[in-house]
Each structure stands twice: as C-alpha cells, then as structure tokens.
C-alpha atoms as a PDB file:
ATOM      1  CA  MET A   1       0.000   0.000   0.000  1.00  0.00           C
ATOM      2  CA  THR A   2       1.465   3.364  -1.089  1.00  0.00           C
ATOM      3  CA  THR A   3       1.493   6.206   1.451  1.00  0.00           C
ATOM      4  CA  ASP A   4       2.423   9.866   1.336  1.00  0.00           C
ATOM      5  CA  VAL A   5       5.630   9.133   3.243  1.00  0.00           C
ATOM      6  CA  GLU A   6       6.572   6.337   0.820  1.00  0.00           C
ATOM      7  CA  LEU A   7       6.070   8.641  -2.162  1.00  0.00           C
ATOM      8  CA  CYS A   8       8.227  11.298  -0.511  1.00  0.00           C
ATOM      9  CA  ALA A   9      10.894   8.714   0.337  1.00  0.00           C
ATOM     10  CA  ARG A  10      10.922   7.580  -3.298  1.00  0.00           C
ATOM     11  CA  ALA A  11      11.319  11.197  -4.463  1.00  0.00           C
ATOM     12  CA  LEU A  12      14.247  11.751  -2.096  1.00  0.00           C
ATOM     13  CA  THR A  13      15.929   8.528  -3.189  1.00  0.00           C
ATOM     14  CA  ARG A  14      15.661   9.674  -6.802  1.00  0.00           C
ATOM     15  CA  LEU A  15      17.609  12.768  -5.801  1.00  0.00           C
ATOM     16  CA  GLY A  16      20.327  10.653  -4.209  1.00  0.00           C
ATOM     17  CA  LEU A  17      19.207  11.595  -0.693  1.00  0.00           C
ATOM     18  CA  GLU A  18      18.365   9.402   2.278  1.00  0.00           C
ATOM     19  CA  PRO A  19      14.702   8.357   2.315  1.00  0.00           C
ATOM     20  CA  ILE A  20      12.450   9.415   5.163  1.00  0.00           C
ATOM     21  CA  THR A  21      10.337   7.093   7.291  1.00  0.00           C
ATOM     22  CA  SER A  22       8.092   9.816   8.735  1.00  0.00           C
ATOM     23  CA  PHE A  23       7.505  13.540   8.435  1.00  0.00           C
ATOM     24  CA  ASP A  24       9.461  14.167  11.646  1.00  0.00           C
ATOM     25  CA  GLY A  25      13.108  14.776  12.309  1.00  0.00           C
ATOM     26  CA  SER A  26      14.906  16.105   9.245  1.00  0.00           C
ATOM     27  CA  ALA A  27      15.033  19.042   6.864  1.00  0.00           C
ATOM     28  CA  GLU A  28      14.056  16.687   4.028  1.00  0.00           C
ATOM     29  CA  ALA A  29      11.002  15.487   5.949  1.00  0.00           C
ATOM     30  CA  THR A  30       9.936  19.071   6.653  1.00  0.00           C
ATOM     31  CA  VAL A  31      10.272  20.101   3.000  1.00  0.00           C
ATOM     32  CA  CYS A  32       8.364  17.022   1.839  1.00  0.00           C
ATOM     33  CA  GLN A  33       5.609  17.520   4.390  1.00  0.00           C
ATOM     34  CA  ARG A  34       5.137  21.098   3.195  1.00  0.00           C
ATOM     35  CA  GLN A  35       5.403  20.455  -0.555  1.00  0.00           C
ATOM     36  CA  TYR A  36       3.786  17.052  -1.010  1.00  0.00           C
ATOM     37  CA  PRO A  37       0.086  18.028  -0.551  1.00  0.00           C
ATOM     38  CA  VAL A  38       0.485  20.971  -2.929  1.00  0.00           C
ATOM     39  CA  VAL A  39       2.251  18.915  -5.608  1.00  0.00           C
ATOM     40  CA  ARG A  40      -0.204  15.992  -5.211  1.00  0.00           C
ATOM     41  CA  ASP A  41      -3.326  18.144  -5.524  1.00  0.00           C
ATOM     42  CA  ALA A  42      -1.903  20.107  -8.467  1.00  0.00           C
ATOM     43  CA  TYR A  43      -1.083  16.890 -10.304  1.00  0.00           C
ATOM     44  CA  LEU A  44      -4.446  15.275  -9.511  1.00  0.00           C
ATOM     45  CA  THR A  45      -6.188  18.282 -11.090  1.00  0.00           C
ATOM     46  CA  GLU A  46      -3.929  18.611 -14.109  1.00  0.00           C
ATOM     47  CA  GLN A  47      -6.417  16.686 -16.240  1.00  0.00           C
ATOM     48  CA  PRO A  48      -9.349  14.315 -15.792  1.00  0.00           C
ATOM     49  CA  TRP A  49      -7.416  11.154 -14.899  1.00  0.00           C
ATOM     50  CA  TRP A  50      -9.251   7.860 -15.322  1.00  0.00           C
ATOM     51  CA  PHE A  51      -8.849   6.905 -11.661  1.00  0.00           C
ATOM     52  CA  ASN A  52      -9.933  10.056  -9.815  1.00  0.00           C
ATOM     53  CA  THR A  53     -12.818  11.297 -11.944  1.00  0.00           C
ATOM     54  CA  LYS A  54     -16.158  11.119 -10.171  1.00  0.00           C
ATOM     55  CA  MET A  55     -19.734  12.274 -10.703  1.00  0.00           C
ATOM     56  CA  ALA A  56     -22.052  13.639  -8.042  1.00  0.00           C
ATOM     57  CA  ALA A  57     -25.528  15.100  -7.774  1.00  0.00           C
ATOM     58  CA  LEU A  58     -24.949  18.088  -5.535  1.00  0.00           C
ATOM     59  CA  THR A  59     -26.910  18.697  -2.361  1.00  0.00           C
ATOM     60  CA  ARG A  60     -28.792  21.979  -2.431  1.00  0.00           C
ATOM     61  CA  LEU A  61     -28.242  24.034   0.719  1.00  0.00           C
ATOM     62  CA  ALA A  62     -30.943  25.944   2.542  1.00  0.00           C
ATOM     63  CA  GLY A  63     -31.146  29.695   2.201  1.00  0.00           C
ATOM     64  CA  THR A  64     -30.489  32.013  -0.699  1.00  0.00           C
ATOM     65  CA  PRO A  65     -27.004  33.235  -1.582  1.00  0.00           C
ATOM     66  CA  GLU A  66     -26.379  36.945  -1.249  1.00  0.00           C
ATOM     67  CA  ALA A  67     -25.170  37.248  -4.845  1.00  0.00           C
ATOM     68  CA  VAL A  68     -27.285  37.093  -8.009  1.00  0.00           C
ATOM     69  CA  TRP A  69     -27.673  33.312  -7.705  1.00  0.00           C
ATOM     70  CA  GLU A  70     -30.833  31.576  -6.583  1.00  0.00           C
ATOM     71  CA  TYR A  71     -29.295  28.387  -5.173  1.00  0.00           C
ATOM     72  CA  ARG A  72     -26.198  27.248  -3.306  1.00  0.00           C
ATOM     73  CA  PHE A  73     -24.905  23.654  -3.526  1.00  0.00           C
ATOM     74  CA  GLN A  74     -22.462  21.709  -1.364  1.00  0.00           C
ATOM     75  CA  LEU A  75     -19.501  20.275  -3.268  1.00  0.00           C
ATOM     76  CA  PRO A  76     -18.313  16.765  -2.296  1.00  0.00           C
ATOM     77  CA  ASN A  77     -15.744  16.470   0.515  1.00  0.00           C
ATOM     78  CA  ASP A  78     -13.153  15.012  -1.873  1.00  0.00           C
ATOM     79  CA  PHE A  79     -13.689  17.742  -4.518  1.00  0.00           C
ATOM     80  CA  LEU A  80     -10.511  19.188  -6.040  1.00  0.00           C
ATOM     81  CA  SER A  81     -11.619  20.727  -9.333  1.00  0.00           C
ATOM     82  CA  LEU A  82     -14.631  20.909 -11.588  1.00  0.00           C
ATOM     83  CA  ILE A  83     -14.382  19.125 -14.932  1.00  0.00           C
ATOM     84  CA  GLU A  84     -17.892  19.768 -16.209  1.00  0.00           C
ATOM     85  CA  ILE A  85     -21.520  20.312 -15.358  1.00  0.00           C
ATOM     86  CA  VAL A  86     -23.318  17.125 -16.455  1.00  0.00           C
ATOM     87  CA  GLU A  87     -26.903  18.144 -15.645  1.00  0.00           C
ATOM     88  CA  PRO A  88     -28.453  20.401 -16.678  1.00  0.00           C
ATOM     89  CA  ARG A  89     -26.685  20.052 -20.018  1.00  0.00           C
ATOM     90  CA  TYR A  90     -26.694  23.735 -20.812  1.00  0.00           C
ATOM     91  CA  LEU A  91     -26.276  25.360 -17.455  1.00  0.00           C
ATOM     92  CA  GLU A  92     -26.336  29.083 -17.530  1.00  0.00           C
ATOM     93  CA  PRO A  93     -23.431  30.697 -15.689  1.00  0.00           C
ATOM     94  CA  TYR A  94     -22.443  29.385 -12.298  1.00  0.00           C
ATOM     95  CA  GLU A  95     -19.858  30.345  -9.719  1.00  0.00           C
ATOM     96  CA  LEU A  96     -17.649  28.425  -7.331  1.00  0.00           C
ATOM     97  CA  GLU A  97     -17.845  29.925  -3.857  1.00  0.00           C
ATOM     98  CA  GLY A  98     -14.736  29.163  -1.847  1.00  0.00           C
ATOM     99  CA  GLU A  99     -13.544  25.584  -2.002  1.00  0.00           C
ATOM    100  CA  ASN A 100     -16.795  23.823  -1.142  1.00  0.00           C
ATOM    101  CA  ARG A 101     -19.803  25.564  -2.683  1.00  0.00           C
ATOM    102  CA  LEU A 102     -21.287  26.079  -6.133  1.00  0.00           C
ATOM    103  CA  LEU A 103     -23.793  28.833  -6.882  1.00  0.00           C
ATOM    104  CA  ALA A 104     -26.283  28.524  -9.746  1.00  0.00           C
ATOM    105  CA  GLY A 105     -29.699  29.555 -10.954  1.00  0.00           C
ATOM    106  CA  VAL A 106     -31.111  26.021 -11.256  1.00  0.00           C
ATOM    107  CA  LYS A 107     -32.645  23.724  -8.630  1.00  0.00           C
ATOM    108  CA  SER A 108     -30.394  20.700  -9.236  1.00  0.00           C
ATOM    109  CA  VAL A 109     -26.861  20.213 -10.515  1.00  0.00           C
ATOM    110  CA  THR A 110     -24.805  17.103 -11.295  1.00  0.00           C
ATOM    111  CA  ILE A 111     -21.078  17.522 -11.812  1.00  0.00           C
ATOM    112  CA  ARG A 112     -18.061  15.540 -12.972  1.00  0.00           C
ATOM    113  CA  TYR A 113     -14.981  16.412 -10.959  1.00  0.00           C
ATOM    114  CA  ASN A 114     -11.424  15.514 -10.004  1.00  0.00           C
ATOM    115  CA  ALA A 115     -11.410  13.913  -6.558  1.00  0.00           C
ATOM    116  CA  ARG A 116      -8.713  13.787  -3.901  1.00  0.00           C
ATOM    117  CA  LEU A 117      -7.869  10.137  -3.256  1.00  0.00           C
ATOM    118  CA  ASP A 118      -5.967   8.244  -0.623  1.00  0.00           C
ATOM    119  CA  GLU A 119      -2.490   7.377  -1.910  1.00  0.00           C
ATOM    120  CA  SER A 120      -3.254   3.666  -1.599  1.00  0.00           C
ATOM    121  CA  LEU A 121      -5.673   4.105  -4.526  1.00  0.00           C
ATOM    122  CA  PHE A 122      -3.101   5.648  -6.886  1.00  0.00           C
ATOM    123  CA  PRO A 123      -2.235   3.451  -9.857  1.00  0.00           C
ATOM    124  CA  ALA A 124       1.467   2.561  -9.981  1.00  0.00           C
ATOM    125  CA  VAL A 125       2.064   4.660 -13.103  1.00  0.00           C
ATOM    126  CA  PHE A 126       0.583   7.746 -11.370  1.00  0.00           C
ATOM    127  CA  ALA A 127       2.552   7.164  -8.145  1.00  0.00           C
ATOM    128  CA  ASP A 128       5.735   6.861 -10.212  1.00  0.00           C
ATOM    129  CA  ALA A 129       5.117  10.116 -12.099  1.00  0.00           C
ATOM    130  CA  LEU A 130       4.038  11.910  -8.912  1.00  0.00           C
ATOM    131  CA  SER A 131       7.237  10.935  -7.101  1.00  0.00           C
ATOM    132  CA  TRP A 132       9.284  12.265 -10.047  1.00  0.00           C
ATOM    133  CA  ARG A 133       7.279  15.502  -9.995  1.00  0.00           C
ATOM    134  CA  LEU A 134       7.837  15.869  -6.262  1.00  0.00           C
ATOM    135  CA  ALA A 135      11.554  15.147  -6.714  1.00  0.00           C
ATOM    136  CA  ALA A 136      11.774  17.919  -9.316  1.00  0.00           C
ATOM    137  CA  ASP A 137       9.824  20.263  -7.039  1.00  0.00           C
ATOM    138  CA  VAL A 138      12.051  19.820  -3.984  1.00  0.00           C
ATOM    139  CA  CYS A 139      15.337  19.239  -5.816  1.00  0.00           C
ATOM    140  CA  LEU A 140      16.789  22.724  -5.770  1.00  0.00           C
ATOM    141  CA  SER A 141      15.867  23.472  -2.163  1.00  0.00           C
ATOM    142  CA  LEU A 142      17.402  20.199  -0.935  1.00  0.00           C
ATOM    143  CA  THR A 143      20.394  19.727  -3.250  1.00  0.00           C
ATOM    144  CA  GLU A 144      21.162  23.207  -4.643  1.00  0.00           C
ATOM    145  CA  ASN A 145      22.209  21.361  -7.799  1.00  0.00           C
ATOM    146  CA  THR A 146      20.795  22.753 -11.061  1.00  0.00           C
ATOM    147  CA  GLU A 147      22.171  19.866 -13.160  1.00  0.00           C
ATOM    148  CA  ARG A 148      20.328  17.385 -10.958  1.00  0.00           C
ATOM    149  CA  LEU A 149      17.187  19.513 -11.282  1.00  0.00           C
ATOM    150  CA  GLU A 150      17.433  19.427 -15.090  1.00  0.00           C
ATOM    151  CA  ALA A 151      17.911  15.646 -15.103  1.00  0.00           C
ATOM    152  CA  THR A 152      15.077  15.111 -12.632  1.00  0.00           C
ATOM    153  CA  SER A 153      12.773  17.369 -14.643  1.00  0.00           C
ATOM    154  CA  ARG A 154      13.569  15.419 -17.808  1.00  0.00           C
ATOM    155  CA  LEU A 155      12.836  12.120 -16.042  1.00  0.00           C
ATOM    156  CA  PHE A 156       9.580  13.570 -14.727  1.00  0.00           C
ATOM    157  CA  GLN A 157       8.569  14.564 -18.268  1.00  0.00           C
ATOM    158  CA  GLU A 158       9.198  10.982 -19.433  1.00  0.00           C
ATOM    159  CA  ALA A 159       7.127   9.543 -16.561  1.00  0.00           C
ATOM    160  CA  ASP A 160       4.413  12.127 -17.219  1.00  0.00           C
ATOM    161  CA  LEU A 161       4.242  11.114 -20.873  1.00  0.00           C
ATOM    162  CA  ARG A 162       3.877   7.434 -19.896  1.00  0.00           C
ATOM    163  CA  LEU A 163       1.085   8.369 -17.492  1.00  0.00           C
ATOM    164  CA  LYS A 164      -0.770  10.526 -20.017  1.00  0.00           C
ATOM    165  CA  THR A 165      -0.473   7.825 -22.664  1.00  0.00           C
ATOM    166  CA  ARG A 166      -1.938   5.308 -20.226  1.00  0.00           C
ATOM    167  CA  SER A 167      -4.638   7.756 -19.192  1.00  0.00           C
ATOM    168  CA  ALA A 168      -5.685   8.340 -22.798  1.00  0.00           C
ATOM    169  CA  ALA A 169      -5.915   4.595 -23.354  1.00  0.00           C
ATOM    170  CA  MET A 170      -7.958   4.049 -20.170  1.00  0.00           C
ATOM    171  CA  GLN A 171     -10.585   6.721 -20.756  1.00  0.00           C
ATOM    172  CA  ARG A 172     -13.602   5.939 -22.817  1.00  0.00           C
ATOM    173  CA  PRO A 173     -14.473   8.405 -25.572  1.00  0.00           C
ATOM    174  CA  GLN A 174     -16.868  11.133 -24.533  1.00  0.00           C
ATOM    175  CA  ARG A 175     -20.331  10.878 -26.038  1.00  0.00           C
ATOM    176  CA  ILE A 176     -21.164  13.807 -28.278  1.00  0.00           C
ATOM    177  CA  ARG A 177     -24.189  15.381 -26.746  1.00  0.00           C
ATOM    178  CA  SER A 178     -27.026  16.759 -28.778  1.00  0.00           C
ATOM    179  CA  PHE A 179     -27.007  20.509 -29.078  1.00  0.00           C
ATOM    180  CA  PRO A 180     -30.202  22.507 -29.671  1.00  0.00           C
ATOM    181  CA  LEU A 181     -28.780  24.402 -32.635  1.00  0.00           C
ATOM    182  CA  THR A 182     -27.770  21.234 -34.506  1.00  0.00           C
ATOM    183  CA  ALA A 183     -31.259  19.753 -34.125  1.00  0.00           C
ATOM    184  CA  VAL A 184     -32.688  22.300 -36.579  1.00  0.00           C
ATOM    185  CA  ARG A 185     -30.425  21.130 -39.417  1.00  0.00           C
END
C-alpha cells in the first residue's frame, strides 16, 4: 500500500538523498511535508485522470445566496476541481464559492470532478510520475544542484508522458451530446 511518506521517500531517493520514514526529524522530511500536498493536488487536477474522476448530484443548501444566484450547492468532501456540469446540459453561468460551494440559478446540478484520493488508490504509473514531480519540485531546495534539477525534470517529463499515454488509453471516448442548434439542421 502506497502512502504519502513512501512517495516522498521515493522522491528523495531519486535525488540521491536518504529516504524518510516519517515527516518528523529532518530538513528533508519538513520540506516534503510542506510540498507534497500541494504537488499531489496540483497533479491530480492537471487533467481528468481515469482513476480520480467522479460524478455527483450536488446537495442543495438551505437559504439564498447573497449574490445574483438563486441556489447554493455543497460540493463533495473530496472535490478538487470541476471538470464539467453534467446536468443540466446547458447550465447558464455558475460560480464556485470558496472551495466547497457552487452557486447557480437552477434547482439541481450534477457535476463531474477531479477527486482527492488516498495514496493507496493511486495506480502505480501515477505514483511513479508523482514521485518524479515531487523530486523535481524539492530538488533545488534540498540539493542546490541545477544539473540534478534538469535531469530530474527530464525524467519527470518521461514519466508524465507514460502516465498521459496510459490515461488516454484508459478513458472511454466522450459521447457527443445533442445541441439545440444542430437539431434544426
């Protein structure tokens, strides 16, 4: 089972540094503890990956928002970023309020979104690319070696390409939805 500490330890090893066993006790552990959640969430939201894409019918909250919107909806607890509004198909404008609310002028909304997952659910190809991305992110602050940063960044790009190739193969093609203007043809 992959953990956040294991992914950080792998990143440090790739930099030629001693791996950590916890987020306590060393400068490397402190840097990883600070940077890992940011790097993980950024990478999870980079595109709609096949393993962390979810759909949810949002729960409408009581009360009326103060803005121009009629309804406020609760986003899921594991919500990271919005991919699309699924229902209604042609939603008029909406607004994200903070990190956990969506405002809209319709009574119900279903979304497709990128979800935050436990590391144990990461596919091996994603965990590999993520550890390379983390290594590139912390490289300069921990090694002060620009040549190592360039090499690590190149290796991350290779791992990222493998991941994106796999992701493209794993995702089913999106159905082309009907559009009111094409129906009149």
